[in-house]
Structure formats: C-alpha cells, structure tokens
Amino acid sequence: ERALPLPAAAGIQRIRLADFGVMLSPDVDYAWSVSLLAGDDRAAD
C-alpha cells in the first residue's frame, strides 16, 4: 500500500512492481487497485 506521485499529465500511467520489491507467486490470484483520494472525506474517493 503505497502513495504514488501525482501525474503531471493525463493519460496512461505505469506502476512497476519491481520498484516495490514485489515477486508474485505462481498460480495465485492477486487484486490490485489505484485510488484517488480527495481529502478526509473517504466517501469522495
């Protein structure tokens, strides 16, 4: 669970799992998400 830099421009963005030292295990299902948090009000996420 890591904060990403705010993009300088709209468009397609990349997340490199190697940057976080992630090594997936074979034949295991993972869930990933990207969240845009507007502030303290989590209902606006």
All heavy atoms as atom14 arrays in JSON, in Angstrom:
{
  "sequence": "ERALPLPAAAGIQRIRLADFGVMLSPDVDYAWSVSLLAGDDRAAD",
  "atom14_mask": [
    [1, 1, 1, 1, 1, 1, 1, 1, 1, 0, 0, 0, 0, 0],
    [1, 1, 1, 1, 1, 1, 1, 1, 1, 1, 1, 0, 0, 0],
    [1, 1, 1, 1, 1, 0, 0, 0, 0, 0, 0, 0, 0, 0],
    [1, 1, 1, 1, 1, 1, 1, 1, 0, 0, 0, 0, 0, 0],
    [1, 1, 1, 1, 1, 1, 1, 0, 0, 0, 0, 0, 0, 0],
    [1, 1, 1, 1, 1, 1, 1, 1, 0, 0, 0, 0, 0, 0],
    [1, 1, 1, 1, 1, 1, 1, 0, 0, 0, 0, 0, 0, 0],
    [1, 1, 1, 1, 1, 0, 0, 0, 0, 0, 0, 0, 0, 0],
    [1, 1, 1, 1, 1, 0, 0, 0, 0, 0, 0, 0, 0, 0],
    [1, 1, 1, 1, 1, 0, 0, 0, 0, 0, 0, 0, 0, 0],
    [1, 1, 1, 1, 0, 0, 0, 0, 0, 0, 0, 0, 0, 0],
    [1, 1, 1, 1, 1, 1, 1, 1, 0, 0, 0, 0, 0, 0],
    [1, 1, 1, 1, 1, 1, 1, 1, 1, 0, 0, 0, 0, 0],
    [1, 1, 1, 1, 1, 1, 1, 1, 1, 1, 1, 0, 0, 0],
    [1, 1, 1, 1, 1, 1, 1, 1, 0, 0, 0, 0, 0, 0],
    [1, 1, 1, 1, 1, 1, 1, 1, 1, 1, 1, 0, 0, 0],
    [1, 1, 1, 1, 1, 1, 1, 1, 0, 0, 0, 0, 0, 0],
    [1, 1, 1, 1, 1, 0, 0, 0, 0, 0, 0, 0, 0, 0],
    [1, 1, 1, 1, 1, 1, 1, 1, 0, 0, 0, 0, 0, 0],
    [1, 1, 1, 1, 1, 1, 1, 1, 1, 1, 1, 0, 0, 0],
    [1, 1, 1, 1, 0, 0, 0, 0, 0, 0, 0, 0, 0, 0],
    [1, 1, 1, 1, 1, 1, 1, 0, 0, 0, 0, 0, 0, 0],
    [1, 1, 1, 1, 1, 1, 1, 1, 0, 0, 0, 0, 0, 0],
    [1, 1, 1, 1, 1, 1, 1, 1, 0, 0, 0, 0, 0, 0],
    [1, 1, 1, 1, 1, 1, 0, 0, 0, 0, 0, 0, 0, 0],
    [1, 1, 1, 1, 1, 1, 1, 0, 0, 0, 0, 0, 0, 0],
    [1, 1, 1, 1, 1, 1, 1, 1, 0, 0, 0, 0, 0, 0],
    [1, 1, 1, 1, 1, 1, 1, 0, 0, 0, 0, 0, 0, 0],
    [1, 1, 1, 1, 1, 1, 1, 1, 0, 0, 0, 0, 0, 0],
    [1, 1, 1, 1, 1, 1, 1, 1, 1, 1, 1, 1, 0, 0],
    [1, 1, 1, 1, 1, 0, 0, 0, 0, 0, 0, 0, 0, 0],
    [1, 1, 1, 1, 1, 1, 1, 1, 1, 1, 1, 1, 1, 1],
    [1, 1, 1, 1, 1, 1, 0, 0, 0, 0, 0, 0, 0, 0],
    [1, 1, 1, 1, 1, 1, 1, 0, 0, 0, 0, 0, 0, 0],
    [1, 1, 1, 1, 1, 1, 0, 0, 0, 0, 0, 0, 0, 0],
    [1, 1, 1, 1, 1, 1, 1, 1, 0, 0, 0, 0, 0, 0],
    [1, 1, 1, 1, 1, 1, 1, 1, 0, 0, 0, 0, 0, 0],
    [1, 1, 1, 1, 1, 0, 0, 0, 0, 0, 0, 0, 0, 0],
    [1, 1, 1, 1, 0, 0, 0, 0, 0, 0, 0, 0, 0, 0],
    [1, 1, 1, 1, 1, 1, 1, 1, 0, 0, 0, 0, 0, 0],
    [1, 1, 1, 1, 1, 1, 1, 1, 0, 0, 0, 0, 0, 0],
    [1, 1, 1, 1, 1, 1, 1, 1, 1, 1, 1, 0, 0, 0],
    [1, 1, 1, 1, 1, 0, 0, 0, 0, 0, 0, 0, 0, 0],
    [1, 1, 1, 1, 1, 0, 0, 0, 0, 0, 0, 0, 0, 0],
    [1, 1, 1, 1, 1, 1, 1, 1, 0, 0, 0, 0, 0, 0]
  ],
  "atom14_positions": [
    [[0.87, -1.18, 0.0], [0.0, 0.0, 0.0], [0.91, 1.22, 0.0], [1.5, 1.56, 1.02], [-0.94, 0.02, 1.2], [-2.01, 1.11, 1.09], [-3.07, 0.99, 2.17], [-2.68, 0.74, 3.35], [-4.27, 1.09, 1.86], [0.0, 0.0, 0.0], [0.0, 0.0, 0.0], [0.0, 0.0, 0.0], [0.0, 0.0, 0.0], [0.0, 0.0, 0.0]],
    [[1.03, 1.85, -1.18], [1.99, 2.92, -1.33], [1.37, 4.11, -2.07], [0.58, 3.93, -3.01], [3.22, 2.44, -2.12], [3.99, 1.31, -1.45], [4.85, 1.83, -0.31], [5.93, 2.65, -0.83], [7.1, 2.17, -1.22], [7.33, 0.86, -1.2], [8.05, 2.98, -1.65], [0.0, 0.0, 0.0], [0.0, 0.0, 0.0], [0.0, 0.0, 0.0]],
    [[1.77, 5.31, -1.64], [1.35, 6.52, -2.36], [2.17, 6.64, -3.63], [3.37, 6.37, -3.65], [1.54, 7.74, -1.47], [0.0, 0.0, 0.0], [0.0, 0.0, 0.0], [0.0, 0.0, 0.0], [0.0, 0.0, 0.0], [0.0, 0.0, 0.0], [0.0, 0.0, 0.0], [0.0, 0.0, 0.0], [0.0, 0.0, 0.0], [0.0, 0.0, 0.0]],
    [[1.51, 7.05, -4.71], [2.17, 7.28, -5.99], [2.31, 8.77, -6.23], [1.49, 9.56, -5.75], [1.35, 6.66, -7.13], [1.07, 5.16, -7.04], [0.17, 4.73, -8.21], [2.37, 4.36, -7.03], [0.0, 0.0, 0.0], [0.0, 0.0, 0.0], [0.0, 0.0, 0.0], [0.0, 0.0, 0.0], [0.0, 0.0, 0.0], [0.0, 0.0, 0.0]],
    [[3.31, 9.18, -6.99], [3.41, 10.6, -7.34], [2.2, 11.04, -8.16], [1.67, 10.27, -8.96], [4.7, 10.66, -8.19], [5.44, 9.4, -7.88], [4.42, 8.38, -7.54], [0.0, 0.0, 0.0], [0.0, 0.0, 0.0], [0.0, 0.0, 0.0], [0.0, 0.0, 0.0], [0.0, 0.0, 0.0], [0.0, 0.0, 0.0], [0.0, 0.0, 0.0]],
    [[1.77, 12.27, -7.93], [0.68, 12.8, -8.74], [1.15, 12.95, -10.18], [2.21, 13.55, -10.42], [0.21, 14.15, -8.2], [-0.6, 14.15, -6.9], [-0.95, 15.58, -6.5], [-1.86, 13.32, -7.04], [0.0, 0.0, 0.0], [0.0, 0.0, 0.0], [0.0, 0.0, 0.0], [0.0, 0.0, 0.0], [0.0, 0.0, 0.0], [0.0, 0.0, 0.0]],
    [[0.42, 12.42, -11.14], [0.84, 12.57, -12.55], [0.88, 14.03, -12.97], [0.01, 14.82, -12.58], [-0.23, 11.79, -13.32], [-0.84, 10.86, -12.32], [-0.78, 11.6, -11.01], [0.0, 0.0, 0.0], [0.0, 0.0, 0.0], [0.0, 0.0, 0.0], [0.0, 0.0, 0.0], [0.0, 0.0, 0.0], [0.0, 0.0, 0.0], [0.0, 0.0, 0.0]],
    [[1.85, 14.36, -13.77], [1.96, 15.72, -14.28], [1.02, 15.95, -15.45], [0.75, 17.1, -15.82], [3.39, 16.01, -14.71], [0.0, 0.0, 0.0], [0.0, 0.0, 0.0], [0.0, 0.0, 0.0], [0.0, 0.0, 0.0], [0.0, 0.0, 0.0], [0.0, 0.0, 0.0], [0.0, 0.0, 0.0], [0.0, 0.0, 0.0], [0.0, 0.0, 0.0]],
    [[0.52, 14.87, -16.05], [-0.36, 15.0, -17.21], [-1.33, 13.84, -17.2], [-1.09, 12.79, -16.59], [0.45, 15.01, -18.51], [0.0, 0.0, 0.0], [0.0, 0.0, 0.0], [0.0, 0.0, 0.0], [0.0, 0.0, 0.0], [0.0, 0.0, 0.0], [0.0, 0.0, 0.0], [0.0, 0.0, 0.0], [0.0, 0.0, 0.0], [0.0, 0.0, 0.0]],
    [[-2.45, 14.03, -17.87], [-3.41, 12.96, -18.03], [-2.86, 11.9, -18.97], [-1.89, 12.13, -19.7], [-4.72, 13.52, -18.57], [0.0, 0.0, 0.0], [0.0, 0.0, 0.0], [0.0, 0.0, 0.0], [0.0, 0.0, 0.0], [0.0, 0.0, 0.0], [0.0, 0.0, 0.0], [0.0, 0.0, 0.0], [0.0, 0.0, 0.0], [0.0, 0.0, 0.0]],
    [[-3.48, 10.73, -18.96], [-3.08, 9.67, -19.88], [-2.77, 8.38, -19.17], [-3.16, 8.16, -18.02], [0.0, 0.0, 0.0], [0.0, 0.0, 0.0], [0.0, 0.0, 0.0], [0.0, 0.0, 0.0], [0.0, 0.0, 0.0], [0.0, 0.0, 0.0], [0.0, 0.0, 0.0], [0.0, 0.0, 0.0], [0.0, 0.0, 0.0], [0.0, 0.0, 0.0]],
    [[-2.06, 7.5, -19.86], [-1.73, 6.18, -19.33], [-0.51, 6.29, -18.41], [0.49, 6.89, -18.76], [-1.46, 5.2, -20.48], [-2.75, 4.96, -21.26], [-0.9, 3.88, -19.95], [-2.6, 4.03, -22.45], [0.0, 0.0, 0.0], [0.0, 0.0, 0.0], [0.0, 0.0, 0.0], [0.0, 0.0, 0.0], [0.0, 0.0, 0.0], [0.0, 0.0, 0.0]],
    [[-0.64, 5.68, -17.24], [0.41, 5.72, -16.22], [0.87, 4.29, -15.95], [0.13, 3.33, -16.13], [-0.12, 6.34, -14.92], [-1.04, 7.54, -15.11], [-0.35, 8.77, -15.67], [0.84, 8.96, -15.44], [-1.09, 9.62, -16.39], [0.0, 0.0, 0.0], [0.0, 0.0, 0.0], [0.0, 0.0, 0.0], [0.0, 0.0, 0.0], [0.0, 0.0, 0.0]],
    [[2.1, 4.17, -15.46], [2.69, 2.85, -15.22], [3.05, 2.67, -13.75], [3.54, 3.6, -13.09], [3.95, 2.68, -16.08], [4.61, 1.3, -15.95], [6.05, 1.33, -16.47], [6.15, 1.55, -17.9], [6.45, 0.6, -18.8], [6.67, -0.64, -18.39], [6.55, 0.89, -20.07], [0.0, 0.0, 0.0], [0.0, 0.0, 0.0], [0.0, 0.0, 0.0]],
    [[2.84, 1.46, -13.25], [3.31, 1.04, -11.93], [4.23, -0.15, -12.13], [3.8, -1.18, -12.68], [2.15, 0.65, -10.99], [1.19, 1.81, -10.79], [2.69, 0.15, -9.65], [-0.11, 1.41, -10.11], [0.0, 0.0, 0.0], [0.0, 0.0, 0.0], [0.0, 0.0, 0.0], [0.0, 0.0, 0.0], [0.0, 0.0, 0.0], [0.0, 0.0, 0.0]],
    [[5.48, -0.04, -11.74], [6.43, -1.15, -11.85], [6.48, -1.88, -10.5], [6.97, -1.34, -9.52], [7.81, -0.64, -12.23], [7.89, -0.09, -13.66], [9.31, 0.42, -13.95], [9.49, 0.75, -15.36], [9.18, 1.93, -15.89], [8.68, 2.9, -15.12], [9.37, 2.15, -17.18], [0.0, 0.0, 0.0], [0.0, 0.0, 0.0], [0.0, 0.0, 0.0]],
    [[6.0, -3.11, -10.49], [6.01, -3.86, -9.24], [7.43, -4.08, -8.73], [7.65, -4.2, -7.52], [5.3, -5.2, -9.42], [3.79, -5.15, -9.66], [3.2, -6.56, -9.64], [3.09, -4.28, -8.62], [0.0, 0.0, 0.0], [0.0, 0.0, 0.0], [0.0, 0.0, 0.0], [0.0, 0.0, 0.0], [0.0, 0.0, 0.0], [0.0, 0.0, 0.0]],
    [[8.4, -4.12, -9.63], [9.79, -4.29, -9.21], [10.25, -3.13, -8.34], [11.12, -3.3, -7.47], [10.7, -4.42, -10.43], [0.0, 0.0, 0.0], [0.0, 0.0, 0.0], [0.0, 0.0, 0.0], [0.0, 0.0, 0.0], [0.0, 0.0, 0.0], [0.0, 0.0, 0.0], [0.0, 0.0, 0.0], [0.0, 0.0, 0.0], [0.0, 0.0, 0.0]],
    [[9.67, -1.94, -8.55], [10.04, -0.79, -7.72], [9.67, -0.99, -6.26], [10.24, -0.34, -5.37], [9.37, 0.48, -8.24], [9.92, 0.93, -9.59], [10.99, 0.42, -9.98], [9.3, 1.79, -10.23], [0.0, 0.0, 0.0], [0.0, 0.0, 0.0], [0.0, 0.0, 0.0], [0.0, 0.0, 0.0], [0.0, 0.0, 0.0], [0.0, 0.0, 0.0]],
    [[8.69, -1.87, -6.01], [8.26, -2.14, -4.63], [8.8, -3.47, -4.12], [8.38, -3.92, -3.05], [6.72, -2.14, -4.55], [6.09, -0.88, -5.07], [5.27, -0.88, -6.17], [6.34, 0.34, -4.45], [4.69, 0.28, -6.64], [5.77, 1.51, -4.91], [4.94, 1.48, -6.01], [0.0, 0.0, 0.0], [0.0, 0.0, 0.0], [0.0, 0.0, 0.0]],
    [[9.71, -4.07, -4.87], [10.28, -5.35, -4.46], [9.3, -6.5, -4.49], [9.47, -7.49, -3.77], [0.0, 0.0, 0.0], [0.0, 0.0, 0.0], [0.0, 0.0, 0.0], [0.0, 0.0, 0.0], [0.0, 0.0, 0.0], [0.0, 0.0, 0.0], [0.0, 0.0, 0.0], [0.0, 0.0, 0.0], [0.0, 0.0, 0.0], [0.0, 0.0, 0.0]],
    [[8.27, -6.41, -5.33], [7.22, -7.43, -5.38], [7.65, -8.57, -6.29], [8.1, -8.35, -7.42], [5.89, -6.82, -5.89], [4.87, -7.92, -6.14], [5.36, -5.82, -4.88], [0.0, 0.0, 0.0], [0.0, 0.0, 0.0], [0.0, 0.0, 0.0], [0.0, 0.0, 0.0], [0.0, 0.0, 0.0], [0.0, 0.0, 0.0], [0.0, 0.0, 0.0]],
    [[7.5, -9.8, -5.79], [7.68, -11.01, -6.59], [6.42, -11.85, -6.4], [6.16, -12.36, -5.31], [8.92, -11.79, -6.12], [10.23, -11.06, -6.33], [10.74, -11.03, -8.07], [11.18, -12.75, -8.31], [0.0, 0.0, 0.0], [0.0, 0.0, 0.0], [0.0, 0.0, 0.0], [0.0, 0.0, 0.0], [0.0, 0.0, 0.0], [0.0, 0.0, 0.0]],
    [[5.63, -11.98, -7.45], [4.39, -12.74, -7.37], [4.68, -14.23, -7.24], [5.69, -14.73, -7.75], [3.54, -12.49, -8.62], [3.17, -11.03, -8.92], [2.39, -10.97, -10.23], [2.39, -10.4, -7.79], [0.0, 0.0, 0.0], [0.0, 0.0, 0.0], [0.0, 0.0, 0.0], [0.0, 0.0, 0.0], [0.0, 0.0, 0.0], [0.0, 0.0, 0.0]],
    [[3.78, -14.93, -6.6], [3.88, -16.39, -6.51], [3.06, -17.02, -7.64], [1.98, -16.51, -7.98], [3.34, -16.89, -5.16], [4.12, -16.37, -4.1], [0.0, 0.0, 0.0], [0.0, 0.0, 0.0], [0.0, 0.0, 0.0], [0.0, 0.0, 0.0], [0.0, 0.0, 0.0], [0.0, 0.0, 0.0], [0.0, 0.0, 0.0], [0.0, 0.0, 0.0]],
    [[3.54, -18.11, -8.21], [2.83, -18.71, -9.35], [1.44, -19.22, -8.95], [1.23, -19.73, -7.84], [3.73, -19.86, -9.79], [5.07, -19.55, -9.19], [4.8, -18.8, -7.94], [0.0, 0.0, 0.0], [0.0, 0.0, 0.0], [0.0, 0.0, 0.0], [0.0, 0.0, 0.0], [0.0, 0.0, 0.0], [0.0, 0.0, 0.0], [0.0, 0.0, 0.0]],
    [[0.5, -19.08, -9.89], [-0.84, -19.64, -9.79], [-1.58, -19.16, -8.54], [-2.36, -19.91, -7.93], [-0.78, -21.17, -9.83], [-0.18, -21.67, -11.13], [-0.53, -21.12, -12.2], [0.65, -22.6, -11.09], [0.0, 0.0, 0.0], [0.0, 0.0, 0.0], [0.0, 0.0, 0.0], [0.0, 0.0, 0.0], [0.0, 0.0, 0.0], [0.0, 0.0, 0.0]],
    [[-1.33, -17.91, -8.16], [-2.04, -17.25, -7.06], [-2.72, -16.02, -7.63], [-2.11, -15.26, -8.39], [-1.07, -16.87, -5.92], [-1.8, -16.05, -4.85], [-0.44, -18.11, -5.31], [0.0, 0.0, 0.0], [0.0, 0.0, 0.0], [0.0, 0.0, 0.0], [0.0, 0.0, 0.0], [0.0, 0.0, 0.0], [0.0, 0.0, 0.0], [0.0, 0.0, 0.0]],
    [[-3.97, -15.8, -7.27], [-4.69, -14.63, -7.75], [-4.47, -13.45, -6.82], [-4.55, -13.58, -5.59], [-6.19, -14.92, -7.83], [-6.53, -15.87, -8.98], [-5.64, -16.15, -9.79], [-7.69, -16.33, -9.05], [0.0, 0.0, 0.0], [0.0, 0.0, 0.0], [0.0, 0.0, 0.0], [0.0, 0.0, 0.0], [0.0, 0.0, 0.0], [0.0, 0.0, 0.0]],
    [[-4.18, -12.3, -7.43], [-3.95, -11.06, -6.7], [-4.97, -10.01, -7.16], [-5.42, -10.02, -8.31], [-2.54, -10.52, -6.97], [-1.43, -11.38, -6.46], [-0.95, -12.45, -7.22], [-0.83, -11.14, -5.21], [0.09, -13.25, -6.76], [0.2, -11.93, -4.75], [0.66, -12.99, -5.53], [1.69, -13.79, -5.07], [0.0, 0.0, 0.0], [0.0, 0.0, 0.0]],
    [[-5.29, -9.11, -6.25], [-6.13, -7.95, -6.58], [-5.28, -6.69, -6.43], [-4.49, -6.58, -5.48], [-7.34, -7.89, -5.65], [0.0, 0.0, 0.0], [0.0, 0.0, 0.0], [0.0, 0.0, 0.0], [0.0, 0.0, 0.0], [0.0, 0.0, 0.0], [0.0, 0.0, 0.0], [0.0, 0.0, 0.0], [0.0, 0.0, 0.0], [0.0, 0.0, 0.0]],
    [[-5.42, -5.77, -7.38], [-4.7, -4.5, -7.27], [-5.65, -3.37, -7.56], [-6.67, -3.53, -8.24], [-3.5, -4.48, -8.2], [-3.8, -4.49, -9.68], [-4.08, -5.58, -10.45], [-3.82, -3.36, -10.55], [-4.28, -5.2, -11.76], [-4.13, -3.85, -11.86], [-3.61, -1.99, -10.39], [-4.23, -3.01, -12.96], [-3.71, -1.15, -11.49], [-4.01, -1.66, -12.76]],
    [[-5.35, -2.22, -7.01], [-6.22, -1.08, -7.2], [-5.41, 0.21, -7.18], [-4.31, 0.28, -6.64], [-7.3, -1.02, -6.1], [-6.72, -0.74, -4.84], [0.0, 0.0, 0.0], [0.0, 0.0, 0.0], [0.0, 0.0, 0.0], [0.0, 0.0, 0.0], [0.0, 0.0, 0.0], [0.0, 0.0, 0.0], [0.0, 0.0, 0.0], [0.0, 0.0, 0.0]],
    [[-6.0, 1.22, -7.81], [-5.48, 2.58, -7.75], [-6.62, 3.45, -7.23], [-7.74, 3.39, -7.74], [-5.02, 3.07, -9.13], [-4.49, 4.49, -9.04], [-3.95, 2.15, -9.69], [0.0, 0.0, 0.0], [0.0, 0.0, 0.0], [0.0, 0.0, 0.0], [0.0, 0.0, 0.0], [0.0, 0.0, 0.0], [0.0, 0.0, 0.0], [0.0, 0.0, 0.0]],
    [[-6.32, 4.23, -6.2], [-7.33, 5.08, -5.58], [-6.92, 6.54, -5.67], [-5.74, 6.87, -5.45], [-7.53, 4.7, -4.1], [-7.86, 3.32, -3.97], [0.0, 0.0, 0.0], [0.0, 0.0, 0.0], [0.0, 0.0, 0.0], [0.0, 0.0, 0.0], [0.0, 0.0, 0.0], [0.0, 0.0, 0.0], [0.0, 0.0, 0.0], [0.0, 0.0, 0.0]],
    [[-7.86, 7.39, -5.96], [-7.66, 8.84, -5.95], [-8.4, 9.39, -4.75], [-9.63, 9.34, -4.69], [-8.17, 9.45, -7.26], [-8.04, 10.97, -7.42], [-6.6, 11.43, -7.26], [-8.58, 11.4, -8.77], [0.0, 0.0, 0.0], [0.0, 0.0, 0.0], [0.0, 0.0, 0.0], [0.0, 0.0, 0.0], [0.0, 0.0, 0.0], [0.0, 0.0, 0.0]],
    [[-7.65, 9.85, -3.78], [-8.22, 10.31, -2.51], [-8.28, 11.82, -2.51], [-7.26, 12.51, -2.67], [-7.36, 9.81, -1.34], [-6.96, 8.33, -1.38], [-6.12, 7.96, -0.15], [-8.19, 7.44, -1.48], [0.0, 0.0, 0.0], [0.0, 0.0, 0.0], [0.0, 0.0, 0.0], [0.0, 0.0, 0.0], [0.0, 0.0, 0.0], [0.0, 0.0, 0.0]],
    [[-9.48, 12.33, -2.34], [-9.69, 13.78, -2.45], [-9.38, 14.51, -1.15], [-9.14, 15.72, -1.17], [-11.12, 14.07, -2.87], [0.0, 0.0, 0.0], [0.0, 0.0, 0.0], [0.0, 0.0, 0.0], [0.0, 0.0, 0.0], [0.0, 0.0, 0.0], [0.0, 0.0, 0.0], [0.0, 0.0, 0.0], [0.0, 0.0, 0.0], [0.0, 0.0, 0.0]],
    [[-9.41, 13.84, -0.04], [-9.19, 14.51, 1.25], [-9.64, 13.61, 2.38], [-9.58, 12.38, 2.28], [0.0, 0.0, 0.0], [0.0, 0.0, 0.0], [0.0, 0.0, 0.0], [0.0, 0.0, 0.0], [0.0, 0.0, 0.0], [0.0, 0.0, 0.0], [0.0, 0.0, 0.0], [0.0, 0.0, 0.0], [0.0, 0.0, 0.0], [0.0, 0.0, 0.0]],
    [[-10.1, 14.22, 3.45], [-10.51, 13.46, 4.62], [-11.82, 12.71, 4.39], [-12.1, 11.73, 5.08], [-10.64, 14.38, 5.84], [-9.3, 14.99, 6.24], [-8.27, 14.34, 5.96], [-9.29, 16.09, 6.82], [0.0, 0.0, 0.0], [0.0, 0.0, 0.0], [0.0, 0.0, 0.0], [0.0, 0.0, 0.0], [0.0, 0.0, 0.0], [0.0, 0.0, 0.0]],
    [[-12.61, 13.19, 3.46], [-13.9, 12.55, 3.2], [-13.7, 11.33, 2.32], [-13.6, 11.45, 1.1], [-14.85, 13.56, 2.53], [-16.23, 12.97, 2.28], [-16.5, 11.86, 2.8], [-17.02, 13.61, 1.56], [0.0, 0.0, 0.0], [0.0, 0.0, 0.0], [0.0, 0.0, 0.0], [0.0, 0.0, 0.0], [0.0, 0.0, 0.0], [0.0, 0.0, 0.0]],
    [[-13.64, 10.15, 2.89], [-13.38, 8.94, 2.12], [-14.54, 8.58, 1.2], [-14.38, 7.79, 0.28], [-13.09, 7.78, 3.07], [-11.85, 7.98, 3.96], [-10.61, 8.33, 3.15], [-10.26, 7.32, 2.19], [-9.44, 6.3, 2.45], [-8.89, 6.16, 3.64], [-9.15, 5.42, 1.51], [0.0, 0.0, 0.0], [0.0, 0.0, 0.0], [0.0, 0.0, 0.0]],
    [[-15.71, 9.15, 1.43], [-16.84, 8.89, 0.54], [-16.6, 9.48, -0.84], [-17.29, 9.11, -1.8], [-18.12, 9.45, 1.14], [0.0, 0.0, 0.0], [0.0, 0.0, 0.0], [0.0, 0.0, 0.0], [0.0, 0.0, 0.0], [0.0, 0.0, 0.0], [0.0, 0.0, 0.0], [0.0, 0.0, 0.0], [0.0, 0.0, 0.0], [0.0, 0.0, 0.0]],
    [[-15.65, 10.4, -0.94], [-15.36, 11.03, -2.23], [-14.25, 10.32, -2.99], [-13.89, 10.74, -4.09], [-14.98, 12.5, -2.0], [0.0, 0.0, 0.0], [0.0, 0.0, 0.0], [0.0, 0.0, 0.0], [0.0, 0.0, 0.0], [0.0, 0.0, 0.0], [0.0, 0.0, 0.0], [0.0, 0.0, 0.0], [0.0, 0.0, 0.0], [0.0, 0.0, 0.0]],
    [[-13.7, 9.25, -2.42], [-12.61, 8.54, -3.09], [-13.07, 7.95, -4.42], [-14.22, 7.53, -4.58], [-12.1, 7.4, -2.21], [-11.43, 7.89, -0.94], [-11.23, 9.11, -0.82], [-11.1, 7.04, -0.09], [0.0, 0.0, 0.0], [0.0, 0.0, 0.0], [0.0, 0.0, 0.0], [0.0, 0.0, 0.0], [0.0, 0.0, 0.0], [0.0, 0.0, 0.0]]
  ]
}
